[in-house]
Amino acid sequence: MTTYLFPPPVVQSVAIRGKSEQFPINRLFFVGRNYHAHAVEMGKPVDKSVERPFYFTKAPQTLVPSGATVPYPPETKNYHFEMELVVAIGKAGF
């Protein structure tokens, strides 16, 4: 039996439509500044000729499942959320 210095993180997973199994999440990749209209809507005009989209990652533990409650400070005036598309790449994609 392996003894850890501290408990390892729980494996994050998402439901698979039409299946009883869950898909384990190992990595989350994102693209920022890819919707010009959204940037303008948020008050951040973007010069597309200079400011290109960028890529970043987040830990799997940052995933919020569909339908879950997201807590935020009660004094929040402009709560902004985004929905992301999930693309599941199986073991062969590693």
Protein backbone atom coordinates (compact mmCIF):
# COMPACT_ATOMS: atom_id res chain seq x y z
CA MET A 1 0.00 0.00 0.00
CA THR A 2 1.32 3.46 -0.91
CA THR A 3 1.61 6.03 1.87
CA TYR A 4 1.25 9.65 0.75
CA LEU A 5 2.58 12.74 2.48
CA PHE A 6 -0.89 14.26 1.94
CA PRO A 7 -4.02 12.85 0.26
CA PRO A 8 -3.90 12.90 -3.56
CA PRO A 9 -6.68 14.80 -5.36
CA VAL A 10 -9.92 13.03 -6.18
CA VAL A 11 -10.24 12.10 -9.86
CA GLN A 12 -12.57 14.62 -11.51
CA SER A 13 -14.99 13.24 -14.08
CA VAL A 14 -17.95 14.19 -16.25
CA ALA A 15 -21.04 12.28 -17.30
CA ILE A 16 -21.19 10.76 -20.76
CA ARG A 17 -24.54 11.30 -22.47
CA GLY A 18 -26.35 7.99 -22.90
CA LYS A 19 -23.87 6.03 -20.74
CA SER A 20 -23.66 5.05 -17.09
CA GLU A 21 -19.86 5.49 -17.02
CA GLN A 22 -18.03 8.72 -16.18
CA PHE A 23 -15.14 10.16 -18.24
CA PRO A 24 -12.06 10.97 -16.09
CA ILE A 25 -10.63 14.48 -16.55
CA ASN A 26 -6.83 14.70 -16.65
CA ARG A 27 -6.27 18.06 -18.35
CA LEU A 28 -8.31 21.19 -19.11
CA PHE A 29 -7.23 23.37 -22.06
CA PHE A 30 -8.75 26.78 -22.83
CA VAL A 31 -8.61 29.47 -25.50
CA GLY A 32 -8.88 33.11 -24.46
CA ARG A 33 -9.76 36.17 -26.51
CA ASN A 34 -11.34 34.05 -29.23
CA TYR A 35 -14.75 35.80 -29.35
CA HIS A 36 -14.42 39.42 -30.40
CA ALA A 37 -18.08 40.25 -29.72
CA HIS A 38 -17.82 38.89 -26.18
CA ALA A 39 -14.73 40.99 -25.46
CA VAL A 40 -16.56 44.11 -26.64
CA GLU A 41 -19.61 43.14 -24.55
CA MET A 42 -17.36 42.97 -21.48
CA GLY A 43 -16.04 46.48 -22.22
CA LYS A 44 -12.69 45.33 -23.57
CA PRO A 45 -12.42 46.29 -27.24
CA VAL A 46 -9.87 44.05 -28.92
CA ASP A 47 -7.74 44.95 -31.92
CA LYS A 48 -7.76 41.55 -33.64
CA SER A 49 -4.75 42.51 -35.75
CA VAL A 50 -2.61 42.86 -32.60
CA GLU A 51 -4.24 40.81 -29.84
CA ARG A 52 -4.42 37.20 -30.90
CA PRO A 53 -6.19 34.39 -29.02
CA PHE A 54 -4.13 32.75 -26.29
CA TYR A 55 -4.14 29.30 -24.73
CA PHE A 56 -4.00 28.27 -21.08
CA THR A 57 -4.72 25.33 -18.79
CA LYS A 58 -6.46 24.86 -15.46
CA ALA A 59 -6.36 22.08 -12.89
CA PRO A 60 -9.06 19.40 -13.25
CA GLN A 61 -10.30 20.36 -9.76
CA THR A 62 -11.56 23.68 -11.18
CA LEU A 63 -14.24 21.88 -13.21
CA VAL A 64 -17.80 22.68 -12.14
CA PRO A 65 -20.27 19.99 -13.23
CA SER A 66 -23.39 20.93 -15.15
CA GLY A 67 -26.17 22.00 -12.79
CA ALA A 68 -23.86 22.54 -9.81
CA THR A 69 -24.09 25.63 -7.61
CA VAL A 70 -21.15 28.04 -7.86
CA PRO A 71 -20.68 30.09 -4.68
CA TYR A 72 -19.59 33.73 -5.04
CA PRO A 73 -19.34 36.72 -2.67
CA PRO A 74 -22.74 38.27 -1.82
CA GLU A 75 -21.52 41.79 -2.72
CA THR A 76 -20.79 40.73 -6.31
CA LYS A 77 -22.28 43.24 -8.78
CA ASN A 78 -21.29 41.71 -12.14
CA TYR A 79 -21.08 37.93 -11.88
CA HIS A 80 -19.70 36.62 -15.15
CA PHE A 81 -19.78 32.98 -16.13
CA GLU A 82 -18.90 31.01 -19.21
CA MET A 83 -19.92 27.68 -20.60
CA GLU A 84 -17.21 25.61 -22.18
CA LEU A 85 -17.36 22.85 -24.74
CA VAL A 86 -15.95 19.53 -23.56
CA VAL A 87 -14.06 17.40 -26.03
CA ALA A 88 -13.12 14.01 -24.61
CA ILE A 89 -10.04 12.40 -26.12
CA GLY A 90 -9.63 8.77 -25.11
CA LYS A 91 -6.47 6.91 -24.18
CA ALA A 92 -5.34 6.75 -27.83
CA GLY A 93 -5.14 10.57 -27.84
CA PHE A 94 -2.34 10.74 -25.26
